[in-house]
Protein backbone atom coordinates (compact mmCIF):
# COMPACT_ATOMS: atom_id res chain seq x y z
CA UNK A 1 8.42 -2.67 -14.01
CA UNK A 2 7.92 -2.55 -10.16
CA UNK A 3 6.23 -5.82 -9.05
CA UNK A 4 4.20 -4.87 -6.04
CA UNK A 5 2.92 -1.19 -5.62
CA UNK A 6 1.37 0.29 -2.73
CA UNK A 7 -1.89 1.91 -3.67
CA UNK A 8 -3.91 4.72 -1.79
CA UNK A 9 -7.73 5.38 -2.18
CA UNK A 10 -8.81 8.89 -1.62
CA UNK A 11 -12.27 10.53 -1.96
CA UNK A 12 -11.27 13.36 -4.25
CA UNK A 13 -7.58 14.09 -3.57
CA UNK A 14 -5.34 11.61 -5.11
CA UNK A 15 -3.61 14.23 -7.35
CA UNK A 16 -3.41 16.61 -4.89
CA UNK A 17 -1.91 14.36 -2.35
CA UNK A 18 0.67 12.55 -4.86
CA UNK A 19 2.06 16.16 -5.84
CA UNK A 20 2.32 17.04 -2.27
CA UNK A 21 4.07 13.97 -1.83
CA UNK A 22 6.49 14.32 -4.61
CA UNK A 23 7.38 17.58 -3.26
CA UNK A 24 8.80 15.92 -0.16
CA UNK A 25 11.31 13.79 -1.75
CA UNK A 26 14.14 13.66 -4.10
CA UNK A 27 13.80 11.33 -7.18
CA UNK A 28 10.06 11.88 -7.43
CA UNK A 29 7.83 12.72 -10.29
CA UNK A 30 4.29 12.30 -11.71
CA UNK A 31 3.99 9.17 -14.05
CA UNK A 32 0.77 9.03 -15.17
CA UNK A 33 -2.87 10.47 -14.72
CA UNK A 34 -5.87 8.65 -16.35
CA UNK A 35 -9.60 8.32 -15.68
CA UNK A 36 -11.92 5.52 -15.58
CA UNK A 37 -15.54 6.49 -16.60
CA UNK A 38 -18.85 5.31 -15.04
CA UNK A 39 -17.45 3.08 -12.03
CA UNK A 40 -19.66 2.62 -9.12
CA UNK A 41 -17.97 5.85 -7.75
CA UNK A 42 -18.33 7.60 -10.78
CA UNK A 43 -15.42 8.76 -12.65
CA UNK A 44 -12.46 8.02 -10.77
CA UNK A 45 -9.16 9.69 -11.42
CA UNK A 46 -5.72 7.02 -11.10
CA UNK A 47 -2.56 8.75 -10.50
CA UNK A 48 0.58 7.08 -10.58
CA UNK A 49 3.95 8.78 -9.35
CA UNK A 50 7.42 7.88 -7.97
CA UNK A 51 8.50 9.02 -4.16
CA UNK A 52 12.39 8.66 -3.85
CA UNK A 53 12.51 6.27 -7.00
CA UNK A 54 9.86 3.85 -5.92
CA UNK A 55 6.53 3.69 -7.68
CA UNK A 56 2.90 4.17 -6.07
CA UNK A 57 -0.49 4.54 -7.22
CA UNK A 58 -3.38 6.65 -5.99
CA UNK A 59 -6.98 6.83 -6.68
CA UNK A 60 -9.68 9.27 -6.34
CA UNK A 61 -13.00 6.96 -5.95
CA UNK A 62 -15.13 8.59 -3.44
CA UNK A 63 -15.65 8.38 0.42
CA UNK A 64 -15.88 4.89 0.83
CA UNK A 65 -12.50 4.05 2.71
CA UNK A 66 -10.56 5.97 4.61
CA UNK A 67 -6.78 5.52 5.32
CA UNK A 68 -5.82 4.72 8.88
CA UNK A 69 -2.64 3.66 10.65
CA UNK A 70 -2.81 -0.06 10.06
CA UNK A 71 -0.49 0.77 7.20
CA UNK A 72 1.85 3.47 7.03
CA UNK A 73 5.20 4.57 5.11
CA UNK A 74 8.54 4.38 7.12
CA UNK A 75 11.00 6.95 5.73
CA UNK A 76 14.62 6.15 6.34
CA UNK A 77 16.08 9.74 7.09
CA UNK A 78 19.98 10.11 6.98
CA UNK A 79 20.17 13.56 8.75
CA UNK A 80 18.04 15.50 11.45
CA UNK A 81 17.39 18.27 9.26
CA UNK A 82 15.68 15.78 7.02
CA UNK A 83 13.43 14.41 9.66
CA UNK A 84 12.54 17.81 10.88
CA UNK A 85 11.82 18.90 7.41
CA UNK A 86 9.66 16.26 6.43
CA UNK A 87 7.89 16.06 9.97
CA UNK A 88 7.21 19.84 9.72
CA UNK A 89 5.42 19.24 6.43
CA UNK A 90 3.46 16.22 7.08
CA UNK A 91 2.20 17.37 10.51
CA UNK A 92 0.93 20.56 8.93
CA UNK A 93 -2.86 20.04 9.07
CA UNK A 94 -2.28 16.43 10.24
CA UNK A 95 -2.35 14.45 13.59
CA UNK A 96 0.36 13.70 15.81
CA UNK A 97 0.56 9.80 16.35
CA UNK A 98 3.87 9.46 18.49
CA UNK A 99 5.63 12.86 19.19
CA UNK A 100 8.80 13.58 17.40
CA UNK A 101 11.74 12.70 19.70
CA UNK A 102 14.38 10.51 20.91
CA UNK A 103 12.99 6.54 21.33
CA UNK A 104 15.14 3.80 22.64
CA UNK A 105 15.14 2.47 19.17
CA UNK A 106 15.95 5.94 17.46
CA UNK A 107 17.57 8.92 18.32
CA UNK A 108 15.04 10.85 16.16
CA UNK A 109 11.69 9.49 15.42
CA UNK A 110 7.69 10.52 14.84
CA UNK A 111 4.72 8.89 13.70
CA UNK A 112 2.30 11.37 11.92
CA UNK A 113 -0.91 11.34 9.84
CA UNK A 114 -1.00 13.71 7.33
CA UNK A 115 -3.86 16.06 6.29
CA UNK A 116 -5.09 13.42 3.48
CA UNK A 117 -5.24 10.58 6.20
CA UNK A 118 -1.69 8.95 5.16
CA UNK A 119 0.46 7.67 8.29
CA UNK A 120 4.09 8.40 8.10
CA UNK A 121 6.82 7.26 10.38
CA UNK A 122 10.12 9.02 10.07
CA UNK A 123 13.12 7.62 11.69
CA UNK A 124 16.83 8.68 11.69
CA UNK A 125 19.10 6.01 10.42
CA UNK A 126 22.60 5.59 9.41
CA UNK A 127 23.14 6.12 5.71
CA UNK A 128 24.03 2.37 5.07
CA UNK A 129 20.38 1.65 6.53
CA UNK A 130 18.80 3.58 3.92
CA UNK A 131 18.91 1.36 0.94
CA UNK A 132 15.14 1.50 0.42
CA UNK A 133 13.94 5.04 1.43
CA UNK A 134 10.01 4.46 1.93
CA UNK A 135 9.11 0.97 3.72
CA UNK A 136 5.33 0.08 3.82
CA UNK A 137 4.59 -1.03 7.57
CA UNK A 138 1.41 -3.38 8.30
CA UNK A 139 0.10 -2.79 11.94
CA UNK A 140 -1.90 -5.89 13.18
CA UNK A 141 -4.46 -4.50 14.98
CA UNK A 142 -8.14 -5.22 16.24
CA UNK A 143 -9.09 -8.75 15.29
CA UNK A 144 -5.59 -9.21 13.41
CA UNK A 145 -3.45 -8.24 16.60
CA UNK A 146 -1.11 -11.05 17.36
CA UNK A 147 -1.03 -12.35 14.00
CA UNK A 148 1.96 -10.33 12.45
CA UNK A 149 4.15 -13.53 12.50
CA UNK A 150 1.65 -15.69 10.91
CA UNK A 151 1.14 -13.08 8.17
CA UNK A 152 4.86 -12.62 7.38
CA UNK A 153 5.43 -16.54 7.26
CA UNK A 154 2.20 -16.82 4.91
CA UNK A 155 3.41 -13.96 2.49
CA UNK A 156 7.03 -15.38 2.16
CA UNK A 157 5.64 -18.84 1.59
CA UNK A 158 3.52 -17.87 -1.33
CA UNK A 159 6.00 -15.53 -3.05
CA UNK A 160 8.83 -16.98 -4.99
CA UNK A 161 12.23 -16.04 -3.64
CA UNK A 162 10.68 -13.82 -0.47
CA UNK A 163 12.77 -13.33 2.44
CA UNK A 164 12.10 -13.15 6.02
CA UNK A 165 14.41 -10.74 8.11
CA UNK A 166 14.32 -9.57 11.92
CA UNK A 167 11.14 -10.92 13.98
CA UNK A 168 11.54 -9.16 17.30
CA UNK A 169 9.05 -10.11 19.97
CA UNK A 170 7.17 -7.70 22.80
CA UNK A 171 8.90 -8.48 26.28
CA UNK A 172 7.07 -8.66 29.40
CA UNK A 173 5.16 -5.45 30.32
CA UNK A 174 6.12 -3.82 26.87
CA UNK A 175 2.38 -3.88 25.21
CA UNK A 176 -0.77 -2.91 26.76
CA UNK A 177 -2.34 -5.59 24.54
CA UNK A 178 -2.52 -9.28 25.66
CA UNK A 179 -2.59 -10.55 22.00
CA UNK A 180 0.20 -8.53 20.55
CA UNK A 181 3.43 -10.64 20.00
CA UNK A 182 5.57 -8.84 17.48
CA UNK A 183 7.17 -5.95 18.20
CA UNK A 184 8.82 -5.37 14.65
CA UNK A 185 9.43 -7.68 11.81
CA UNK A 186 10.64 -7.20 8.39
CA UNK A 187 10.33 -9.15 5.23
CA UNK A 188 10.75 -8.71 1.44
CA UNK A 189 8.46 -9.53 -1.29
CA UNK A 190 9.51 -9.18 -5.04
CA UNK A 191 12.19 -7.15 -4.15
CA UNK A 192 10.36 -4.73 -1.56
CA UNK A 193 10.93 -4.24 1.72
CA UNK A 194 8.01 -4.56 3.94
CA UNK A 195 7.59 -4.20 7.79
CA UNK A 196 5.10 -5.68 10.06
CA UNK A 197 4.22 -5.39 13.98
CA UNK A 198 1.26 -6.25 16.27
CA UNK A 199 -0.31 -3.49 17.79
CA UNK A 200 0.66 -2.80 21.25
CA UNK A 201 -2.25 -0.82 22.10
CA UNK A 202 -5.87 -1.33 22.41
CA UNK A 203 -7.54 0.15 19.44
CA UNK A 204 -10.27 -0.40 17.29
CA UNK A 205 -8.95 0.16 13.69
CA UNK A 206 -8.69 -2.53 11.16
CA UNK A 207 -7.03 -2.99 7.72
CA UNK A 208 -9.24 -1.71 4.74
CA UNK A 209 -9.45 -1.01 0.77
CA UNK A 210 -7.83 2.60 1.39
CA UNK A 211 -4.19 1.14 1.57
CA UNK A 212 -3.95 -1.83 -1.15
CA UNK A 213 -0.94 -3.60 -2.56
CA UNK A 214 -0.84 -4.10 -6.44
CA UNK A 215 0.86 -7.22 -7.78
CA UNK A 216 1.62 -6.77 -11.39
CA UNK A 217 1.44 -10.19 -13.03
CA UNK A 218 2.87 -11.33 -16.15
CA UNK A 219 0.28 -13.61 -17.53
CA UNK A 220 -3.19 -15.26 -16.66
CA UNK A 221 -1.49 -18.39 -15.00
CA UNK A 222 0.17 -15.82 -12.34
CA UNK A 223 -3.12 -13.88 -11.80
CA UNK A 224 -4.75 -17.19 -11.13
CA UNK A 225 -1.87 -18.11 -8.73
CA UNK A 226 -2.12 -15.03 -6.48
CA UNK A 227 -5.90 -14.93 -6.61
CA UNK A 228 -6.28 -18.17 -5.36
CA UNK A 229 -3.69 -17.87 -2.57
CA UNK A 230 -4.65 -14.29 -1.13
CA UNK A 231 -8.56 -14.20 -1.76
CA UNK A 232 -10.20 -15.17 1.54
CA UNK A 233 -13.25 -13.01 1.54
CA UNK A 234 -15.51 -13.63 -1.58
CA UNK A 235 -17.77 -10.47 -0.94
CA UNK A 236 -14.80 -8.37 -1.25
CA UNK A 237 -13.74 -9.72 -5.02
CA UNK A 238 -14.18 -7.18 -7.61
CA UNK A 239 -12.11 -5.66 -10.54
CA UNK A 240 -9.20 -7.71 -9.62
CA UNK A 241 -9.12 -6.58 -5.96
CA UNK A 242 -9.10 -9.42 -2.94
CA UNK A 243 -8.97 -9.23 0.71
CA UNK A 244 -6.75 -11.83 2.50
CA UNK A 245 -7.25 -13.95 5.71
CA UNK A 246 -5.95 -10.93 7.86
CA UNK A 247 -7.91 -8.36 6.38
CA UNK A 248 -5.06 -6.71 3.94
CA UNK A 249 -5.96 -5.85 0.32
CA UNK A 250 -4.46 -6.72 -3.01
CA UNK A 251 -5.08 -6.04 -6.51
CA UNK A 252 -4.32 -8.92 -8.89
CA UNK A 253 -3.63 -7.25 -12.06
CA UNK A 254 -2.11 -8.04 -15.39
CA UNK A 255 1.22 -5.98 -15.79
CA UNK A 256 -0.06 -4.19 -18.82
CA UNK A 257 -3.35 -2.97 -17.58
CA UNK A 258 -2.61 0.54 -18.15
CA UNK A 259 -2.17 -0.30 -21.78
CA UNK A 260 -5.24 -2.16 -22.14
CA UNK A 261 -7.30 0.44 -20.43
CA UNK A 262 -5.96 3.60 -21.45
CA UNK A 263 -3.93 3.01 -24.76
CA UNK A 264 -5.40 3.12 -28.33
CA UNK A 265 -8.79 4.48 -29.41
CA UNK A 266 -11.24 5.93 -26.90
CA UNK A 267 -14.04 3.29 -27.72
CA UNK A 268 -11.50 0.54 -27.29
CA UNK A 269 -10.62 1.75 -23.84
CA UNK A 270 -14.21 2.15 -22.75
CA UNK A 271 -15.32 -1.32 -23.65
CA UNK A 272 -12.00 -2.67 -22.01
CA UNK A 273 -13.31 -0.63 -18.74
CA UNK A 274 -16.77 -1.57 -18.93
CA UNK A 275 -15.49 -5.26 -19.37
CA UNK A 276 -13.35 -4.90 -16.17
CA UNK A 277 -15.91 -3.52 -13.99
CA UNK A 278 -18.04 -6.73 -14.60
CA UNK A 279 -15.28 -8.82 -13.42
CA UNK A 280 -13.95 -10.23 -9.99
CA UNK A 281 -10.74 -12.03 -10.99
CA UNK A 282 -9.28 -10.36 -14.06
CA UNK A 283 -9.75 -12.53 -17.27
CA UNK A 284 -6.92 -11.08 -19.69
CA UNK A 285 -8.42 -12.72 -22.72
CA UNK A 286 -11.80 -11.41 -22.11
CA UNK A 287 -10.53 -8.01 -21.66
CA UNK A 288 -8.73 -8.07 -25.03
CA UNK A 289 -11.75 -9.49 -26.75
CA UNK A 290 -13.85 -6.52 -25.20
CA UNK A 291 -11.37 -4.06 -26.33
CA UNK A 292 -11.06 -5.46 -29.78
CA UNK A 293 -14.85 -5.94 -30.38
CA UNK A 294 -16.87 -4.09 -33.11
């Protein structure tokens, strides 16, 4: 099981968006579709899928959060044809953020927000640089601008066996924002490469719940650990969701959450879902008691 899973929030388009993304990548497939009923958003459809062998999850849960470029997906492309093909598909009905072309850091690169609101950075790389096809990229903007290095250090300190890679700083005159420090950084959590940077442009968008990271925990002790380390905004605690001190959202869940919520008789699943919706931090024992209650 993938330990950390990027999670996307949509109004009603989760399955449609997932199907679109699956069509863009090799080694991609729909894994599972399920519905949690009677949530604050009504019936919410949860879609699990793979892109290039990497697991993602999406939810259709109402128009409460909108994706923005604070978290994007960087795609390592090994041919110009691949860059151009993916760019054409993602730009159709979307918004160009940085035009496709040659840059000092890449012979062919472009940044685009697709028709569903998800941002992508497409970059031509050498084949030996494409070991992880899709890399989540955190763009520290607004009040979080200037905190990218702090965040990388924080995340790698709390996760066992985490690794920090390159940390490249803006040179004088490169950034339009006085707060921006890190031009590019990379780190690894639970075996997944993640990138981070401070936003060099003065913009007002910030991290929100539309893009979160699921941490699949093996037991209650691990849930308690990551909850205590990551939760910094008490009013954002709900159903296993927390928001950290940088504004990034995380879901701290047991690794068998799908089995608890969706497997077995419908009345058991309903009781487990009802119990989950009343929780802030997930209590595995309480979920199991609710599921098996008569």
